[in-house]
Amino acid sequence: MRNKSMTILVYIIIGLAAVGLFSQLFGNTISFLSRILVTIVIGAAIFGLLYYFFVRRNSPTNTEDRKKYKQAVKQSKTKYNSTSSPIPKKATHKKKRTKKASHLRVIEGSKSKKKNRASY
């Protein structure tokens, strides 16, 4: 029951916000657009500062990892791209081997006589 009442409350707040936005947009368009623009600029400045001081400064190994990654990509490219463009080789004539007579002997057996296993 509590979850349902929270959902209704959230929808009411979103509806009131939409009504306020449209009333500001149609009633006072210039000031609305200037507020939106100022909000976007301030948000971008805060995001840029936080990114610069916390994300970029706290990762000194980032450049080392990036160098290792680039080297691994380079090695992978040289390994796998070399097979895609094979270098044409000169046709070399190989001497054919002559077959030597095998020194095996055939022993005659009674394989041609099959046993009738159903008679046992």
N, C-alpha and C. Protein backbone atom coordinates (compact mmCIF):
# COMPACT_ATOMS: atom_id res chain seq x y z
N MET A 1 0.82 -1.19 0.00
CA MET A 1 0.00 0.00 0.00
C MET A 1 0.87 1.26 0.00
N ARG A 2 1.97 1.18 0.75
CA ARG A 2 2.84 2.35 0.84
C ARG A 2 3.49 2.66 -0.51
N ASN A 3 3.87 1.60 -1.23
CA ASN A 3 4.51 1.77 -2.53
C ASN A 3 3.55 2.44 -3.52
N LYS A 4 2.28 2.07 -3.44
CA LYS A 4 1.29 2.65 -4.34
C LYS A 4 1.07 4.14 -4.03
N SER A 5 1.08 4.49 -2.76
CA SER A 5 0.89 5.90 -2.40
C SER A 5 2.11 6.73 -2.79
N MET A 6 3.31 6.14 -2.70
CA MET A 6 4.53 6.85 -3.13
C MET A 6 4.50 7.09 -4.64
N THR A 7 4.03 6.11 -5.39
CA THR A 7 3.95 6.25 -6.84
C THR A 7 2.98 7.38 -7.21
N ILE A 8 1.85 7.42 -6.54
CA ILE A 8 0.87 8.49 -6.81
C ILE A 8 1.46 9.85 -6.46
N LEU A 9 2.18 9.94 -5.34
CA LEU A 9 2.81 11.19 -4.93
C LEU A 9 3.85 11.66 -5.95
N VAL A 10 4.63 10.73 -6.47
CA VAL A 10 5.65 11.07 -7.48
C VAL A 10 4.97 11.59 -8.74
N TYR A 11 3.90 10.94 -9.18
CA TYR A 11 3.18 11.40 -10.37
C TYR A 11 2.58 12.79 -10.17
N ILE A 12 2.09 13.07 -8.97
CA ILE A 12 1.53 14.40 -8.69
C ILE A 12 2.62 15.47 -8.76
N ILE A 13 3.80 15.17 -8.18
CA ILE A 13 4.91 16.14 -8.21
C ILE A 13 5.37 16.38 -9.64
N ILE A 14 5.48 15.31 -10.43
CA ILE A 14 5.90 15.47 -11.83
C ILE A 14 4.86 16.28 -12.61
N GLY A 15 3.58 16.05 -12.34
CA GLY A 15 2.53 16.80 -13.02
C GLY A 15 2.58 18.28 -12.67
N LEU A 16 2.78 18.60 -11.39
CA LEU A 16 2.88 20.01 -10.98
C LEU A 16 4.10 20.68 -11.60
N ALA A 17 5.20 19.94 -11.68
CA ALA A 17 6.41 20.50 -12.31
C ALA A 17 6.16 20.79 -13.78
N ALA A 18 5.46 19.89 -14.46
CA ALA A 18 5.16 20.11 -15.88
C ALA A 18 4.26 21.32 -16.06
N VAL A 19 3.26 21.48 -15.18
CA VAL A 19 2.36 22.64 -15.26
C VAL A 19 3.16 23.92 -15.03
N GLY A 20 4.06 23.93 -14.05
CA GLY A 20 4.89 25.10 -13.78
C GLY A 20 5.81 25.43 -14.95
N LEU A 21 6.39 24.40 -15.56
CA LEU A 21 7.26 24.62 -16.71
C LEU A 21 6.50 25.25 -17.87
N PHE A 22 5.34 24.71 -18.19
CA PHE A 22 4.57 25.25 -19.31
C PHE A 22 4.05 26.66 -19.03
N SER A 23 3.68 26.92 -17.77
CA SER A 23 3.21 28.28 -17.46
C SER A 23 4.34 29.28 -17.57
N GLN A 24 5.54 28.92 -17.14
CA GLN A 24 6.69 29.81 -17.28
C GLN A 24 7.08 29.97 -18.75
N LEU A 25 7.01 28.88 -19.51
CA LEU A 25 7.40 28.92 -20.92
C LEU A 25 6.48 29.83 -21.72
N PHE A 26 5.19 29.74 -21.49
CA PHE A 26 4.24 30.55 -22.27
C PHE A 26 4.02 31.94 -21.68
N GLY A 27 4.19 32.09 -20.37
CA GLY A 27 3.94 33.38 -19.74
C GLY A 27 5.14 34.30 -19.75
N ASN A 28 6.32 33.76 -19.51
CA ASN A 28 7.52 34.57 -19.35
C ASN A 28 8.68 33.88 -20.09
N THR A 29 8.60 33.83 -21.39
CA THR A 29 9.50 33.02 -22.21
C THR A 29 10.96 33.44 -22.08
N ILE A 30 11.26 34.71 -22.16
CA ILE A 30 12.64 35.19 -22.14
C ILE A 30 13.32 34.87 -20.81
N SER A 31 12.65 35.15 -19.71
CA SER A 31 13.27 34.86 -18.41
C SER A 31 13.40 33.35 -18.19
N PHE A 32 12.44 32.58 -18.71
CA PHE A 32 12.52 31.11 -18.59
C PHE A 32 13.73 30.58 -19.33
N LEU A 33 13.93 31.02 -20.55
CA LEU A 33 15.08 30.56 -21.34
C LEU A 33 16.39 31.02 -20.74
N SER A 34 16.42 32.24 -20.18
CA SER A 34 17.67 32.71 -19.56
C SER A 34 17.97 31.90 -18.31
N ARG A 35 16.95 31.52 -17.52
CA ARG A 35 17.18 30.68 -16.34
C ARG A 35 17.69 29.30 -16.73
N ILE A 36 17.09 28.74 -17.77
CA ILE A 36 17.53 27.42 -18.25
C ILE A 36 18.98 27.49 -18.72
N LEU A 37 19.33 28.54 -19.45
CA LEU A 37 20.70 28.70 -19.95
C LEU A 37 21.69 28.86 -18.80
N VAL A 38 21.34 29.68 -17.81
CA VAL A 38 22.22 29.88 -16.65
C VAL A 38 22.38 28.57 -15.88
N THR A 39 21.30 27.81 -15.73
CA THR A 39 21.37 26.53 -15.03
C THR A 39 22.28 25.56 -15.76
N ILE A 40 22.18 25.51 -17.08
CA ILE A 40 23.04 24.61 -17.87
C ILE A 40 24.50 25.02 -17.75
N VAL A 41 24.79 26.31 -17.81
CA VAL A 41 26.18 26.79 -17.71
C VAL A 41 26.76 26.48 -16.34
N ILE A 42 26.00 26.74 -15.28
CA ILE A 42 26.49 26.46 -13.92
C ILE A 42 26.69 24.96 -13.72
N GLY A 43 25.77 24.15 -14.22
CA GLY A 43 25.91 22.70 -14.12
C GLY A 43 27.14 22.19 -14.86
N ALA A 44 27.38 22.73 -16.05
CA ALA A 44 28.56 22.32 -16.82
C ALA A 44 29.85 22.74 -16.11
N ALA A 45 29.86 23.93 -15.49
CA ALA A 45 31.05 24.39 -14.76
C ALA A 45 31.31 23.51 -13.55
N ILE A 46 30.28 23.17 -12.81
CA ILE A 46 30.45 22.29 -11.64
C ILE A 46 30.93 20.92 -12.08
N PHE A 47 30.34 20.39 -13.14
CA PHE A 47 30.76 19.09 -13.65
C PHE A 47 32.22 19.12 -14.10
N GLY A 48 32.61 20.18 -14.80
CA GLY A 48 33.99 20.30 -15.26
C GLY A 48 34.98 20.37 -14.10
N LEU A 49 34.65 21.14 -13.07
CA LEU A 49 35.53 21.23 -11.90
C LEU A 49 35.65 19.90 -11.18
N LEU A 50 34.51 19.24 -10.96
CA LEU A 50 34.55 17.94 -10.28
C LEU A 50 35.33 16.92 -11.09
N TYR A 51 35.14 16.92 -12.39
CA TYR A 51 35.87 16.00 -13.25
C TYR A 51 37.37 16.28 -13.20
N TYR A 52 37.73 17.55 -13.26
CA TYR A 52 39.15 17.92 -13.28
C TYR A 52 39.83 17.55 -11.97
N PHE A 53 39.19 17.84 -10.83
CA PHE A 53 39.85 17.63 -9.54
C PHE A 53 39.75 16.21 -9.02
N PHE A 54 38.67 15.51 -9.30
CA PHE A 54 38.50 14.18 -8.70
C PHE A 54 38.81 13.04 -9.66
N VAL A 55 38.35 13.11 -10.85
CA VAL A 55 38.52 12.00 -11.77
C VAL A 55 39.89 12.03 -12.43
N ARG A 56 40.28 13.16 -12.92
CA ARG A 56 41.53 13.25 -13.68
C ARG A 56 42.75 13.20 -12.78
N ARG A 57 42.69 13.83 -11.65
CA ARG A 57 43.86 13.89 -10.76
C ARG A 57 44.09 12.58 -10.01
N ASN A 58 43.04 11.85 -9.72
CA ASN A 58 43.17 10.64 -8.92
C ASN A 58 43.56 9.42 -9.74
N SER A 59 43.83 9.58 -10.99
CA SER A 59 44.21 8.43 -11.80
C SER A 59 45.55 8.66 -12.49
N PRO A 60 46.66 8.68 -11.73
CA PRO A 60 47.95 8.86 -12.38
C PRO A 60 48.38 7.64 -13.17
N THR A 61 47.86 6.46 -12.81
CA THR A 61 48.22 5.25 -13.56
C THR A 61 47.43 5.15 -14.85
N ASN A 62 46.52 6.07 -15.05
CA ASN A 62 45.71 6.05 -16.26
C ASN A 62 46.57 6.16 -17.51
N THR A 63 47.60 7.00 -17.47
CA THR A 63 48.46 7.15 -18.64
C THR A 63 49.29 5.89 -18.86
N GLU A 64 49.74 5.25 -17.77
CA GLU A 64 50.50 4.01 -17.90
C GLU A 64 49.63 2.91 -18.50
N ASP A 65 48.40 2.82 -18.00
CA ASP A 65 47.49 1.81 -18.53
C ASP A 65 47.18 2.07 -19.99
N ARG A 66 47.02 3.32 -20.33
CA ARG A 66 46.71 3.67 -21.72
C ARG A 66 47.89 3.31 -22.63
N LYS A 67 49.13 3.56 -22.16
CA LYS A 67 50.31 3.21 -22.96
C LYS A 67 50.39 1.71 -23.17
N LYS A 68 50.14 0.95 -22.09
CA LYS A 68 50.18 -0.51 -22.20
C LYS A 68 49.09 -1.01 -23.14
N TYR A 69 47.92 -0.40 -23.06
CA TYR A 69 46.81 -0.81 -23.93
C TYR A 69 47.15 -0.52 -25.39
N LYS A 70 47.71 0.65 -25.66
CA LYS A 70 48.06 0.99 -27.04
C LYS A 70 49.12 0.04 -27.59
N GLN A 71 50.08 -0.34 -26.75
CA GLN A 71 51.11 -1.27 -27.20
C GLN A 71 50.50 -2.64 -27.47
N ALA A 72 49.57 -3.07 -26.63
CA ALA A 72 48.92 -4.36 -26.85
C ALA A 72 48.10 -4.35 -28.13
N VAL A 73 47.43 -3.25 -28.40
CA VAL A 73 46.65 -3.13 -29.64
C VAL A 73 47.59 -3.17 -30.84
N LYS A 74 48.72 -2.51 -30.73
CA LYS A 74 49.69 -2.48 -31.83
C LYS A 74 50.23 -3.89 -32.10
N GLN A 75 50.55 -4.62 -31.03
CA GLN A 75 51.04 -5.98 -31.20
C GLN A 75 49.97 -6.88 -31.80
N SER A 76 48.76 -6.70 -31.37
CA SER A 76 47.66 -7.50 -31.89
C SER A 76 47.44 -7.23 -33.37
N LYS A 77 47.53 -5.96 -33.75
CA LYS A 77 47.35 -5.62 -35.16
C LYS A 77 48.45 -6.23 -36.02
N THR A 78 49.69 -6.15 -35.54
CA THR A 78 50.78 -6.72 -36.33
C THR A 78 50.66 -8.23 -36.40
N LYS A 79 50.13 -8.84 -35.37
CA LYS A 79 50.00 -10.30 -35.37
C LYS A 79 48.90 -10.76 -36.31
N TYR A 80 47.73 -10.12 -36.24
CA TYR A 80 46.59 -10.60 -37.00
C TYR A 80 46.46 -9.98 -38.38
N ASN A 81 47.04 -8.83 -38.62
CA ASN A 81 46.95 -8.23 -39.94
C ASN A 81 47.95 -8.83 -40.91
N SER A 82 49.00 -9.46 -40.40
CA SER A 82 50.00 -10.03 -41.29
C SER A 82 49.43 -11.24 -42.03
N THR A 83 48.47 -11.95 -41.41
CA THR A 83 47.90 -13.11 -42.08
C THR A 83 46.89 -12.72 -43.14
N SER A 84 46.33 -11.53 -43.05
CA SER A 84 45.32 -11.12 -44.02
C SER A 84 45.94 -10.75 -45.37
N SER A 85 47.19 -10.34 -45.38
CA SER A 85 47.84 -10.01 -46.64
C SER A 85 49.13 -10.83 -46.76
N PRO A 86 49.02 -12.07 -47.22
CA PRO A 86 50.20 -12.91 -47.31
C PRO A 86 51.13 -12.45 -48.43
N ILE A 87 52.40 -12.63 -48.21
CA ILE A 87 53.41 -12.27 -49.20
C ILE A 87 53.49 -13.41 -50.21
N PRO A 88 53.36 -13.11 -51.49
CA PRO A 88 53.42 -14.19 -52.48
C PRO A 88 54.82 -14.82 -52.50
N LYS A 89 54.84 -16.13 -52.44
CA LYS A 89 56.11 -16.85 -52.43
C LYS A 89 56.41 -17.37 -53.83
N LYS A 90 57.67 -17.50 -54.10
CA LYS A 90 58.07 -18.05 -55.38
C LYS A 90 57.79 -19.55 -55.38
N ALA A 91 57.31 -20.01 -56.50
CA ALA A 91 57.00 -21.43 -56.61
C ALA A 91 58.30 -22.21 -56.71
N THR A 92 58.53 -23.06 -55.75
CA THR A 92 59.73 -23.89 -55.77
C THR A 92 59.33 -25.30 -56.15
N HIS A 93 60.10 -25.88 -57.01
CA HIS A 93 59.82 -27.24 -57.45
C HIS A 93 60.46 -28.20 -56.47
N LYS A 94 59.61 -28.99 -55.86
CA LYS A 94 60.12 -29.98 -54.92
C LYS A 94 60.26 -31.31 -55.66
N LYS A 95 61.27 -32.01 -55.30
CA LYS A 95 61.47 -33.32 -55.90
C LYS A 95 60.47 -34.29 -55.29
N LYS A 96 59.82 -35.04 -56.15
CA LYS A 96 58.87 -36.01 -55.66
C LYS A 96 59.63 -37.23 -55.15
N ARG A 97 59.18 -37.71 -54.05
CA ARG A 97 59.82 -38.90 -53.49
C ARG A 97 59.32 -40.14 -54.23
N THR A 98 60.21 -41.00 -54.47
CA THR A 98 59.82 -42.27 -55.09
C THR A 98 59.40 -43.22 -53.98
N LYS A 99 58.35 -43.96 -54.26
CA LYS A 99 57.86 -44.89 -53.25
C LYS A 99 58.79 -46.08 -53.19
N LYS A 100 59.13 -46.40 -51.99
CA LYS A 100 59.97 -47.58 -51.78
C LYS A 100 59.06 -48.77 -51.52
N ALA A 101 59.52 -49.90 -51.89
CA ALA A 101 58.74 -51.11 -51.66
C ALA A 101 58.67 -51.38 -50.17
N SER A 102 57.48 -51.66 -49.70
CA SER A 102 57.35 -51.92 -48.28
C SER A 102 57.81 -53.34 -47.99
N HIS A 103 58.37 -53.53 -46.86
CA HIS A 103 58.90 -54.83 -46.49
C HIS A 103 57.91 -55.56 -45.59
N LEU A 104 56.65 -55.38 -45.90
CA LEU A 104 55.61 -56.05 -45.12
C LEU A 104 55.11 -57.25 -45.91
N ARG A 105 54.65 -58.23 -45.19
CA ARG A 105 54.19 -59.45 -45.84
C ARG A 105 52.76 -59.72 -45.41
N VAL A 106 51.92 -60.15 -46.33
CA VAL A 106 50.53 -60.45 -46.04
C VAL A 106 50.43 -61.89 -45.61
N ILE A 107 49.81 -62.09 -44.47
CA ILE A 107 49.62 -63.45 -43.96
C ILE A 107 48.18 -63.83 -44.25
N GLU A 108 48.02 -64.90 -44.98
CA GLU A 108 46.69 -65.35 -45.34
C GLU A 108 46.01 -65.92 -44.10
N GLY A 109 44.76 -65.54 -43.91
CA GLY A 109 44.01 -66.02 -42.76
C GLY A 109 42.64 -66.47 -43.18
N SER A 110 41.82 -66.74 -42.21
CA SER A 110 40.47 -67.23 -42.51
C SER A 110 39.43 -66.14 -42.25
N LYS A 111 39.70 -64.96 -42.67
CA LYS A 111 38.77 -63.85 -42.46
C LYS A 111 37.56 -63.98 -43.37
N SER A 112 37.73 -64.63 -44.51
CA SER A 112 36.61 -64.72 -45.44
C SER A 112 35.52 -65.64 -44.91
N LYS A 113 35.87 -66.54 -44.02
CA LYS A 113 34.87 -67.43 -43.44
C LYS A 113 34.29 -66.76 -42.21
N LYS A 114 33.04 -66.36 -42.31
CA LYS A 114 32.40 -65.70 -41.18
C LYS A 114 31.68 -66.75 -40.35
N LYS A 115 31.77 -66.58 -39.06
CA LYS A 115 31.11 -67.52 -38.18
C LYS A 115 29.63 -67.18 -38.11
N ASN A 116 28.81 -68.18 -38.03
CA ASN A 116 27.38 -67.98 -37.88
C ASN A 116 27.10 -67.96 -36.39
N ARG A 117 27.00 -66.80 -35.83
CA ARG A 117 26.85 -66.66 -34.38
C ARG A 117 25.44 -67.03 -33.92
N ALA A 118 24.50 -67.03 -34.80
CA ALA A 118 23.13 -67.37 -34.41
C ALA A 118 22.97 -68.85 -34.10
N SER A 119 23.87 -69.66 -34.59
CA SER A 119 23.75 -71.10 -34.38
C SER A 119 24.25 -71.54 -33.02
N TYR A 120 24.93 -70.73 -32.28
CA TYR A 120 25.46 -71.13 -30.97
C TYR A 120 24.40 -71.19 -29.94
